PDB file of N, CA and C in Angstrom:
ATOM      1  N   MET A   1     -33.739   1.637   2.729  1.00  0.00           N
ATOM      2  CA  MET A   1     -32.695   2.146   1.944  1.00  0.00           C
ATOM      3  C   MET A   1     -32.459   2.908   3.009  1.00  0.00           C
ATOM      4  N   ALA A   2     -30.979   2.967   3.170  1.00  0.00           N
ATOM      5  CA  ALA A   2     -30.223   4.245   3.518  1.00  0.00           C
ATOM      6  C   ALA A   2     -29.459   5.039   2.211  1.00  0.00           C
ATOM      7  N   THR A   3     -28.884   5.904   3.158  1.00  0.00           N
ATOM      8  CA  THR A   3     -28.009   7.310   2.452  1.00  0.00           C
ATOM      9  C   THR A   3     -26.365   7.272   3.500  1.00  0.00           C
ATOM     10  N   LEU A   4     -25.513   7.079   2.128  1.00  0.00           N
ATOM     11  CA  LEU A   4     -24.362   7.112   2.444  1.00  0.00           C
ATOM     12  C   LEU A   4     -23.754   8.282   1.806  1.00  0.00           C
ATOM     13  N   SER A   5     -22.862   9.471   2.682  1.00  0.00           N
ATOM     14  CA  SER A   5     -22.420   9.991   2.065  1.00  0.00           C
ATOM     15  C   SER A   5     -20.462  10.115   1.468  1.00  0.00           C
ATOM     16  N   VAL A   6     -20.284  10.399   0.944  1.00  0.00           N
ATOM     17  CA  VAL A   6     -18.833   9.984   0.606  1.00  0.00           C
ATOM     18  C   VAL A   6     -18.089  11.479   0.161  1.00  0.00           C
ATOM     19  N   ARG A   7     -16.789  11.632   0.954  1.00  0.00           N
ATOM     20  CA  ARG A   7     -15.991  12.978   0.629  1.00  0.00           C
ATOM     21  C   ARG A   7     -14.820  12.768  -0.669  1.00  0.00           C
ATOM     22  N   LEU A   8     -14.942  13.104  -1.433  1.00  0.00           N
ATOM     23  CA  LEU A   8     -13.678  13.259  -3.006  1.00  0.00           C
ATOM     24  C   LEU A   8     -13.277  14.783  -2.887  1.00  0.00           C
ATOM     25  N   ASP A   9     -12.203  14.480  -3.455  1.00  0.00           N
ATOM     26  CA  ASP A   9     -11.566  15.660  -3.731  1.00  0.00           C
ATOM     27  C   ASP A   9     -12.469  15.747  -5.175  1.00  0.00           C
ATOM     28  N   ASP A  10     -12.329  17.100  -5.667  1.00  0.00           N
ATOM     29  CA  ASP A  10     -12.806  17.646  -7.057  1.00  0.00           C
ATOM     30  C   ASP A  10     -12.530  17.009  -8.018  1.00  0.00           C
ATOM     31  N   GLU A  11     -11.191  16.797  -8.165  1.00  0.00           N
ATOM     32  CA  GLU A  11     -10.564  15.899  -9.352  1.00  0.00           C
ATOM     33  C   GLU A  11     -11.137  14.518  -9.370  1.00  0.00           C
ATOM     34  N   THR A  12     -10.986  13.972  -8.123  1.00  0.00           N
ATOM     35  CA  THR A  12     -11.650  12.620  -8.152  1.00  0.00           C
ATOM     36  C   THR A  12     -13.014  12.163  -8.800  1.00  0.00           C
ATOM     37  N   ARG A  13     -14.152  13.661  -7.855  1.00  0.00           N
ATOM     38  CA  ARG A  13     -15.376  13.524  -8.164  1.00  0.00           C
ATOM     39  C   ARG A  13     -15.460  13.731  -9.390  1.00  0.00           C
ATOM     40  N   GLU A  14     -15.126  14.233 -10.087  1.00  0.00           N
ATOM     41  CA  GLU A  14     -15.266  14.943 -11.763  1.00  0.00           C
ATOM     42  C   GLU A  14     -14.900  13.796 -12.640  1.00  0.00           C
ATOM     43  N   GLY A  15     -13.704  12.983 -12.138  1.00  0.00           N
ATOM     44  CA  GLY A  15     -13.050  11.974 -13.218  1.00  0.00           C
ATOM     45  C   GLY A  15     -14.659  10.748 -13.050  1.00  0.00           C
ATOM     46  N   PHE A  16     -14.760  10.389 -11.680  1.00  0.00           N
ATOM     47  CA  PHE A  16     -15.660   9.021 -11.152  1.00  0.00           C
ATOM     48  C   PHE A  16     -17.110   9.675 -12.298  1.00  0.00           C
ATOM     49  N   LEU A  17     -17.474  11.016 -12.018  1.00  0.00           N
ATOM     50  CA  LEU A  17     -18.900  11.100 -12.809  1.00  0.00           C
ATOM     51  C   LEU A  17     -18.560  10.922 -14.202  1.00  0.00           C
ATOM     52  N   ALA A  18     -17.433  11.369 -14.598  1.00  0.00           N
ATOM     53  CA  ALA A  18     -17.388  10.990 -16.422  1.00  0.00           C
ATOM     54  C   ALA A  18     -17.323  10.119 -16.798  1.00  0.00           C
ATOM     55  N   PHE A  19     -16.775   8.798 -15.468  1.00  0.00           N
ATOM     56  CA  PHE A  19     -16.758   7.729 -15.709  1.00  0.00           C
ATOM     57  C   PHE A  19     -18.249   7.156 -16.230  1.00  0.00           C
ATOM     58  N   CYS A  20     -18.707   6.768 -14.715  1.00  0.00           N
ATOM     59  CA  CYS A  20     -20.131   6.905 -14.885  1.00  0.00           C
ATOM     60  C   CYS A  20     -21.220   7.034 -15.727  1.00  0.00           C
ATOM     61  N   ASP A  21     -20.867   8.354 -16.502  1.00  0.00           N
ATOM     62  CA  ASP A  21     -21.738   8.468 -17.928  1.00  0.00           C
ATOM     63  C   ASP A  21     -21.336   8.197 -18.746  1.00  0.00           C
ATOM     64  N   LYS A  22     -19.938   7.532 -18.892  1.00  0.00           N
ATOM     65  CA  LYS A  22     -19.448   7.120 -19.988  1.00  0.00           C
ATOM     66  C   LYS A  22     -20.226   5.667 -20.391  1.00  0.00           C
ATOM     67  N   VAL A  23     -20.302   4.961 -19.005  1.00  0.00           N
ATOM     68  CA  VAL A  23     -20.772   3.679 -18.858  1.00  0.00           C
ATOM     69  C   VAL A  23     -22.358   3.798 -18.669  1.00  0.00           C
ATOM     70  N   GLY A  24     -22.544   4.425 -18.732  1.00  0.00           N
ATOM     71  CA  GLY A  24     -24.355   4.496 -18.155  1.00  0.00           C
ATOM     72  C   GLY A  24     -24.921   4.333 -16.844  1.00  0.00           C
ATOM     73  N   LEU A  25     -23.939   4.571 -15.799  1.00  0.00           N
ATOM     74  CA  LEU A  25     -24.128   4.485 -14.733  1.00  0.00           C
ATOM     75  C   LEU A  25     -24.412   5.600 -13.658  1.00  0.00           C
ATOM     76  N   SER A  26     -25.334   5.765 -12.715  1.00  0.00           N
ATOM     77  CA  SER A  26     -25.103   6.797 -11.962  1.00  0.00           C
ATOM     78  C   SER A  26     -24.310   6.800 -10.992  1.00  0.00           C
ATOM     79  N   ALA A  27     -23.686   7.572 -10.598  1.00  0.00           N
ATOM     80  CA  ALA A  27     -22.808   7.639  -9.129  1.00  0.00           C
ATOM     81  C   ALA A  27     -23.613   6.666  -8.179  1.00  0.00           C
ATOM     82  N   SER A  28     -24.790   6.484  -7.714  1.00  0.00           N
ATOM     83  CA  SER A  28     -25.019   5.896  -6.749  1.00  0.00           C
ATOM     84  C   SER A  28     -25.129   4.363  -7.027  1.00  0.00           C
ATOM     85  N   ALA A  29     -25.530   4.594  -8.230  1.00  0.00           N
ATOM     86  CA  ALA A  29     -25.278   2.720  -8.533  1.00  0.00           C
ATOM     87  C   ALA A  29     -23.864   2.173  -9.009  1.00  0.00           C
ATOM     88  N   ALA A  30     -23.236   3.024  -9.308  1.00  0.00           N
ATOM     89  CA  ALA A  30     -21.385   2.236  -9.238  1.00  0.00           C
ATOM     90  C   ALA A  30     -21.159   2.022  -7.902  1.00  0.00           C
ATOM     91  N   PHE A  31     -21.569   3.023  -6.858  1.00  0.00           N
ATOM     92  CA  PHE A  31     -21.026   2.953  -5.288  1.00  0.00           C
ATOM     93  C   PHE A  31     -21.831   1.698  -4.979  1.00  0.00           C
ATOM     94  N   THR A  32     -23.348   1.381  -5.311  1.00  0.00           N
ATOM     95  CA  THR A  32     -23.867   0.291  -4.829  1.00  0.00           C
ATOM     96  C   THR A  32     -23.026  -1.020  -5.422  1.00  0.00           C
ATOM     97  N   LEU A  33     -22.762  -0.824  -6.769  1.00  0.00           N
ATOM     98  CA  LEU A  33     -22.182  -1.954  -7.452  1.00  0.00           C
ATOM     99  C   LEU A  33     -20.891  -2.421  -6.738  1.00  0.00           C
ATOM    100  N   PHE A  34     -20.193  -1.576  -6.036  1.00  0.00           N
ATOM    101  CA  PHE A  34     -18.787  -1.700  -5.382  1.00  0.00           C
ATOM    102  C   PHE A  34     -19.555  -2.482  -4.332  1.00  0.00           C
ATOM    103  N   ALA A  35     -20.193  -1.733  -3.260  1.00  0.00           N
ATOM    104  CA  ALA A  35     -20.666  -2.335  -1.957  1.00  0.00           C
ATOM    105  C   ALA A  35     -21.308  -3.608  -1.598  1.00  0.00           C
ATOM    106  N   LYS A  36     -21.773  -3.973  -2.977  1.00  0.00           N
ATOM    107  CA  LYS A  36     -22.573  -5.141  -2.971  1.00  0.00           C
ATOM    108  C   LYS A  36     -21.166  -6.176  -2.879  1.00  0.00           C
ATOM    109  N   ALA A  37     -20.314  -6.081  -4.157  1.00  0.00           N
ATOM    110  CA  ALA A  37     -19.307  -6.914  -4.382  1.00  0.00           C
ATOM    111  C   ALA A  37     -18.183  -7.086  -3.006  1.00  0.00           C
ATOM    112  N   VAL A  38     -18.184  -6.086  -2.651  1.00  0.00           N
ATOM    113  CA  VAL A  38     -17.487  -5.904  -1.254  1.00  0.00           C
ATOM    114  C   VAL A  38     -18.075  -6.912  -0.267  1.00  0.00           C
ATOM    115  N   VAL A  39     -19.418  -6.813   0.107  1.00  0.00           N
ATOM    116  CA  VAL A  39     -19.969  -8.102   0.600  1.00  0.00           C
ATOM    117  C   VAL A  39     -20.034  -9.077   0.336  1.00  0.00           C
ATOM    118  N   GLN A  40     -20.242  -9.298  -0.912  1.00  0.00           N
ATOM    119  CA  GLN A  40     -20.330 -10.845  -1.576  1.00  0.00           C
ATOM    120  C   GLN A  40     -19.015 -11.283  -1.254  1.00  0.00           C
ATOM    121  N   GLN A  41     -18.254 -10.595  -1.958  1.00  0.00           N
ATOM    122  CA  GLN A  41     -16.722 -11.504  -1.794  1.00  0.00           C
ATOM    123  C   GLN A  41     -15.683 -11.298  -0.621  1.00  0.00           C
ATOM    124  N   GLN A  42     -16.411 -10.453   0.484  1.00  0.00           N
ATOM    125  CA  GLN A  42     -15.604 -10.105   1.742  1.00  0.00           C
ATOM    126  C   GLN A  42     -14.229  -9.301   1.491  1.00  0.00           C
ATOM    127  N   ARG A  43     -13.649  -8.636   0.248  1.00  0.00           N
ATOM    128  CA  ARG A  43     -12.683  -7.947   0.292  1.00  0.00           C
ATOM    129  C   ARG A  43     -12.883  -6.724  -0.662  1.00  0.00           C
ATOM    130  N   ILE A  44     -11.724  -5.863  -0.773  1.00  0.00           N
ATOM    131  CA  ILE A  44     -12.116  -5.033  -1.944  1.00  0.00           C
ATOM    132  C   ILE A  44     -11.781  -5.507  -3.269  1.00  0.00           C
ATOM    133  N   PRO A  45     -12.863  -5.402  -4.217  1.00  0.00           N
ATOM    134  CA  PRO A  45     -12.634  -6.276  -5.413  1.00  0.00           C
ATOM    135  C   PRO A  45     -12.009  -5.980  -6.158  1.00  0.00           C
ATOM    136  N   PHE A  46     -10.605  -5.490  -6.006  1.00  0.00           N
ATOM    137  CA  PHE A  46      -9.787  -5.240  -6.883  1.00  0.00           C
ATOM    138  C   PHE A  46      -8.393  -5.184  -6.186  1.00  0.00           C
ATOM    139  N   GLU A  47      -7.282  -5.089  -6.711  1.00  0.00           N
ATOM    140  CA  GLU A  47      -5.825  -5.226  -6.200  1.00  0.00           C
ATOM    141  C   GLU A  47      -5.665  -3.983  -5.853  1.00  0.00           C
ATOM    142  N   ILE A  48      -5.422  -3.651  -4.264  1.00  0.00           N
ATOM    143  CA  ILE A  48      -4.662  -2.417  -4.233  1.00  0.00           C
ATOM    144  C   ILE A  48      -3.201  -2.663  -3.804  1.00  0.00           C
ATOM    145  N   THR A  49      -2.388  -1.630  -4.668  1.00  0.00           N
ATOM    146  CA  THR A  49      -0.982  -1.652  -4.772  1.00  0.00           C
ATOM    147  C   THR A  49      -0.403  -0.012  -4.444  1.00  0.00           C
ATOM    148  N   ALA A  50       0.621  -0.038  -3.626  1.00  0.00           N
ATOM    149  CA  ALA A  50       1.001   0.959  -3.180  1.00  0.00           C
ATOM    150  C   ALA A  50       2.297   1.276  -4.458  1.00  0.00           C
ATOM    151  N   LYS A  51       2.006   2.786  -4.798  1.00  0.00           N
ATOM    152  CA  LYS A  51       3.437   3.252  -6.188  1.00  0.00           C
ATOM    153  C   LYS A  51       4.449   3.489  -5.173  1.00  0.00           C
ATOM    154  N   ASP A  52       4.366   3.525  -3.694  1.00  0.00           N
ATOM    155  CA  ASP A  52       6.010   3.549  -3.248  1.00  0.00           C
ATOM    156  C   ASP A  52       7.058   2.547  -3.402  1.00  0.00           C
ATOM    157  N   PRO A  53       8.350   3.261  -3.870  1.00  0.00           N
ATOM    158  CA  PRO A  53       9.448   2.177  -4.250  1.00  0.00           C
ATOM    159  C   PRO A  53       9.594   0.946  -3.405  1.00  0.00           C
ATOM    160  N   PHE A  54       9.281   1.511  -2.033  1.00  0.00           N
ATOM    161  CA  PHE A  54       9.761   0.791  -0.885  1.00  0.00           C
ATOM    162  C   PHE A  54       8.852  -0.743  -1.062  1.00  0.00           C
ATOM    163  N   TYR A  55       7.787  -0.537  -1.668  1.00  0.00           N
ATOM    164  CA  TYR A  55       7.053  -1.909  -1.758  1.00  0.00           C
ATOM    165  C   TYR A  55       7.591  -3.099  -3.085  1.00  0.00           C
ATOM    166  N   SER A  56       8.148  -2.313  -3.824  1.00  0.00           N
ATOM    167  CA  SER A  56       8.735  -3.036  -5.124  1.00  0.00           C
ATOM    168  C   SER A  56       8.925  -4.242  -5.148  1.00  0.00           C
ATOM    169  N   GLU A  57       9.110  -5.282  -5.638  1.00  0.00           N
ATOM    170  CA  GLU A  57       9.239  -6.515  -5.786  1.00  0.00           C
ATOM    171  C   GLU A  57      10.597  -7.146  -5.073  1.00  0.00           C
ATOM    172  N   GLU A  58      11.504  -5.971  -5.924  1.00  0.00           N
ATOM    173  CA  GLU A  58      12.978  -6.048  -5.677  1.00  0.00           C
ATOM    174  C   GLU A  58      13.486  -5.803  -4.368  1.00  0.00           C
ATOM    175  N   ASN A  59      12.456  -4.595  -3.394  1.00  0.00           N
ATOM    176  CA  ASN A  59      12.728  -4.440  -2.014  1.00  0.00           C
ATOM    177  C   ASN A  59      12.401  -5.476  -1.308  1.00  0.00           C
ATOM    178  N   MET A  60      11.498  -5.605  -1.350  1.00  0.00           N
ATOM    179  CA  MET A  60      10.649  -6.758  -0.602  1.00  0.00           C
ATOM    180  C   MET A  60      11.517  -7.936  -0.582  1.00  0.00           C
ATOM    181  N   SER A  61      12.108  -8.257  -1.691  1.00  0.00           N
ATOM    182  CA  SER A  61      12.850  -9.642  -1.813  1.00  0.00           C
ATOM    183  C   SER A  61      14.383  -9.343  -0.939  1.00  0.00           C
ATOM    184  N   HIS A  62      14.301  -8.150  -0.923  1.00  0.00           N
ATOM    185  CA  HIS A  62      15.921  -7.658  -0.487  1.00  0.00           C
ATOM    186  C   HIS A  62      15.433  -7.552   1.034  1.00  0.00           C
ATOM    187  N   LEU A  63      14.579  -7.378   1.375  1.00  0.00           N
ATOM    188  CA  LEU A  63      14.002  -7.237   2.780  1.00  0.00           C
ATOM    189  C   LEU A  63      14.088  -8.511   3.382  1.00  0.00           C
ATOM    190  N   ARG A  64      13.198  -9.430   2.578  1.00  0.00           N
ATOM    191  CA  ARG A  64      13.273 -10.754   3.179  1.00  0.00           C
ATOM    192  C   ARG A  64      14.123 -11.681   3.649  1.00  0.00           C
ATOM    193  N   ALA A  65      15.261 -11.439   2.567  1.00  0.00           N
ATOM    194  CA  ALA A  65      16.547 -11.566   2.635  1.00  0.00           C
ATOM    195  C   ALA A  65      17.241 -11.289   3.652  1.00  0.00           C
ATOM    196  N   ALA A  66      17.203  -9.984   3.974  1.00  0.00           N
ATOM    197  CA  ALA A  66      17.511  -9.387   5.163  1.00  0.00           C
ATOM    198  C   ALA A  66      17.113 -10.049   6.572  1.00  0.00           C
ATOM    199  N   ALA A  67      15.958 -10.042   6.738  1.00  0.00           N
ATOM    200  CA  ALA A  67      15.218 -10.692   8.076  1.00  0.00           C
ATOM    201  C   ALA A  67      15.707 -12.160   8.173  1.00  0.00           C
ATOM    202  N   LYS A  68      15.924 -12.546   7.025  1.00  0.00           N
ATOM    203  CA  LYS A  68      16.371 -14.345   7.009  1.00  0.00           C
ATOM    204  C   LYS A  68      17.841 -14.030   7.704  1.00  0.00           C
ATOM    205  N   ARG A  69      18.551 -13.535   6.983  1.00  0.00           N
ATOM    206  CA  ARG A  69      19.957 -13.300   8.051  1.00  0.00           C
ATOM    207  C   ARG A  69      19.893 -12.964   9.712  1.00  0.00           C
ATOM    208  N   MET A  70      18.998 -12.089   9.721  1.00  0.00           N
ATOM    209  CA  MET A  70      18.985 -11.533  11.509  1.00  0.00           C
ATOM    210  C   MET A  70      18.632 -12.980  11.864  1.00  0.00           C
ATOM    211  N   GLU A  71      17.498 -13.458  11.249  1.00  0.00           N
ATOM    212  CA  GLU A  71      16.988 -14.730  11.961  1.00  0.00           C
ATOM    213  C   GLU A  71      17.921 -15.688  12.578  1.00  0.00           C
ATOM    214  N   ASN A  72      19.024 -15.749  11.280  1.00  0.00           N
ATOM    215  CA  ASN A  72      20.089 -16.716  11.750  1.00  0.00           C
ATOM    216  C   ASN A  72      21.062 -16.398  12.292  1.00  0.00           C
ATOM    217  N   GLY A  73      21.151 -15.196  12.870  1.00  0.00           N
ATOM    218  CA  GLY A  73      22.254 -14.598  13.879  1.00  0.00           C
ATOM    219  C   GLY A  73      23.056 -13.789  12.948  1.00  0.00           C
ATOM    220  N   GLU A  74      23.411 -13.595  11.387  1.00  0.00           N
ATOM    221  CA  GLU A  74      24.122 -13.045  10.463  1.00  0.00           C
ATOM    222  C   GLU A  74      23.807 -11.981  10.367  1.00  0.00           C
ATOM    223  N   TYR A  75      24.352 -10.572  11.465  1.00  0.00           N
ATOM    224  CA  TYR A  75      23.858  -8.947  11.440  1.00  0.00           C
ATOM    225  C   TYR A  75      25.390  -8.412  11.661  1.00  0.00           C
ATOM    226  N   GLU A  76      25.042  -7.532  11.390  1.00  0.00           N
ATOM    227  CA  GLU A  76      26.257  -6.489  12.226  1.00  0.00           C
ATOM    228  C   GLU A  76      25.324  -5.572  13.134  1.00  0.00           C
ATOM    229  N   ILE A  77      26.083  -4.851  13.723  1.00  0.00           N
ATOM    230  CA  ILE A  77      25.428  -3.875  15.045  1.00  0.00           C
ATOM    231  C   ILE A  77      26.346  -2.989  14.491  1.00  0.00           C
ATOM    232  N   HIS A  78      25.733  -1.389  14.063  1.00  0.00           N
ATOM    233  CA  HIS A  78      26.509  -0.454  13.763  1.00  0.00           C
ATOM    234  C   HIS A  78      25.967   0.526  14.901  1.00  0.00           C
ATOM    235  N   ASN A  79      27.319   1.201  15.779  1.00  0.00           N
ATOM    236  CA  ASN A  79      27.055   2.165  16.719  1.00  0.00           C
ATOM    237  C   ASN A  79      27.455   3.303  16.116  1.00  0.00           C
ATOM    238  N   ILE A  80      26.374   4.181  15.791  1.00  0.00           N
ATOM    239  CA  ILE A  80      26.817   5.320  15.112  1.00  0.00           C
ATOM    240  C   ILE A  80      27.294   6.681  15.911  1.00  0.00           C
ATOM    241  N   ASP A  81      28.400   7.030  15.887  1.00  0.00           N
ATOM    242  CA  ASP A  81      28.940   8.219  16.701  1.00  0.00           C
ATOM    243  C   ASP A  81      28.763   9.346  15.862  1.00  0.00           C
ATOM    244  N   LEU A  82      28.228  10.311  15.389  1.00  0.00           N
ATOM    245  CA  LEU A  82      28.027  11.701  14.309  1.00  0.00           C
ATOM    246  C   LEU A  82      29.336  12.591  14.529  1.00  0.00           C
ATOM    247  N   ASN A  83      30.060  12.329  15.658  1.00  0.00           N
ATOM    248  CA  ASN A  83      31.395  12.944  16.060  1.00  0.00           C
ATOM    249  C   ASN A  83      32.704  12.431  15.345  1.00  0.00           C
ATOM    250  N   VAL A  84      32.692  11.428  14.600  1.00  0.00           N
ATOM    251  CA  VAL A  84      33.430   9.923  14.483  1.00  0.00           C
ATOM    252  C   VAL A  84      33.531   9.987  13.109  1.00  0.00           C
ATOM    253  N   ALA A  85      34.388  10.230  12.297  1.00  0.00           N
ATOM    254  CA  ALA A  85      34.916   9.313  10.888  1.00  0.00           C
ATOM    255  C   ALA A  85      34.364   8.216  10.648  1.00  0.00           C
ATOM    256  N   GLU A  86      34.707   7.237  11.332  1.00  0.00           N
ATOM    257  CA  GLU A  86      34.499   5.842  11.175  1.00  0.00           C
ATOM    258  C   GLU A  86      33.547   5.131  12.080  1.00  0.00           C
ATOM    259  N   PRO A  87      31.968   4.698  12.047  1.00  0.00           N
ATOM    260  CA  PRO A  87      31.415   4.298  12.813  1.00  0.00           C
ATOM    261  C   PRO A  87      31.808   3.015  13.149  1.00  0.00           C
ATOM    262  N   GLU A  88      31.945   2.906  14.199  1.00  0.00           N
ATOM    263  CA  GLU A  88      32.167   1.302  14.773  1.00  0.00           C
ATOM    264  C   GLU A  88      31.465   0.058  14.717  1.00  0.00           C
ATOM    265  N   LYS A  89      31.634  -1.121  14.100  1.00  0.00           N
ATOM    266  CA  LYS A  89      31.077  -2.050  13.782  1.00  0.00           C
ATOM    267  C   LYS A  89      31.508  -3.301  14.636  1.00  0.00           C
ATOM    268  N   GLU A  90      30.298  -4.138  14.393  1.00  0.00           N
ATOM    269  CA  GLU A  90      30.479  -5.327  15.276  1.00  0.00           C
ATOM    270  C   GLU A  90      29.886  -6.090  14.257  1.00  0.00           C
ATOM    271  N   PHE A  91      30.454  -7.169  14.124  1.00  0.00           N
ATOM    272  CA  PHE A  91      29.677  -8.289  13.365  1.00  0.00           C
ATOM    273  C   PHE A  91      29.144  -9.433  13.872  1.00  0.00           C
ATOM    274  N   HIS A  92      28.242 -10.252  13.846  1.00  0.00           N
ATOM    275  CA  HIS A  92      27.791 -11.451  14.396  1.00  0.00           C
ATOM    276  C   HIS A  92      27.613 -12.557  13.483  1.00  0.00           C
ATOM    277  N   LYS A  93      27.817 -13.700  13.600  1.00  0.00           N
ATOM    278  CA  LYS A  93      27.703 -14.487  12.963  1.00  0.00           C
ATOM    279  C   LYS A  93      27.851 -16.185  14.007  1.00  0.00           C
TER     280      LYS A  93
END
């Protein structure tokens, strides 16, 4: 049997211990369940998502469409000169 130390901020630690107490598990048993699920499934056993709106489906769809336009040669090159009121644009299609 080996020992593994985990660093958590105080709020996460207290919330985790409260949850474990509520479901009748020790923190050690909960981490053991997690580790065994990772080993058995060869993945994190839950979905990991980013709350950053950059990763929203709407934005990802926009980025995929923009990448496709780039692949098809449909893009604009912007030469931005901060000393000029209107940046120069060059359109490729």
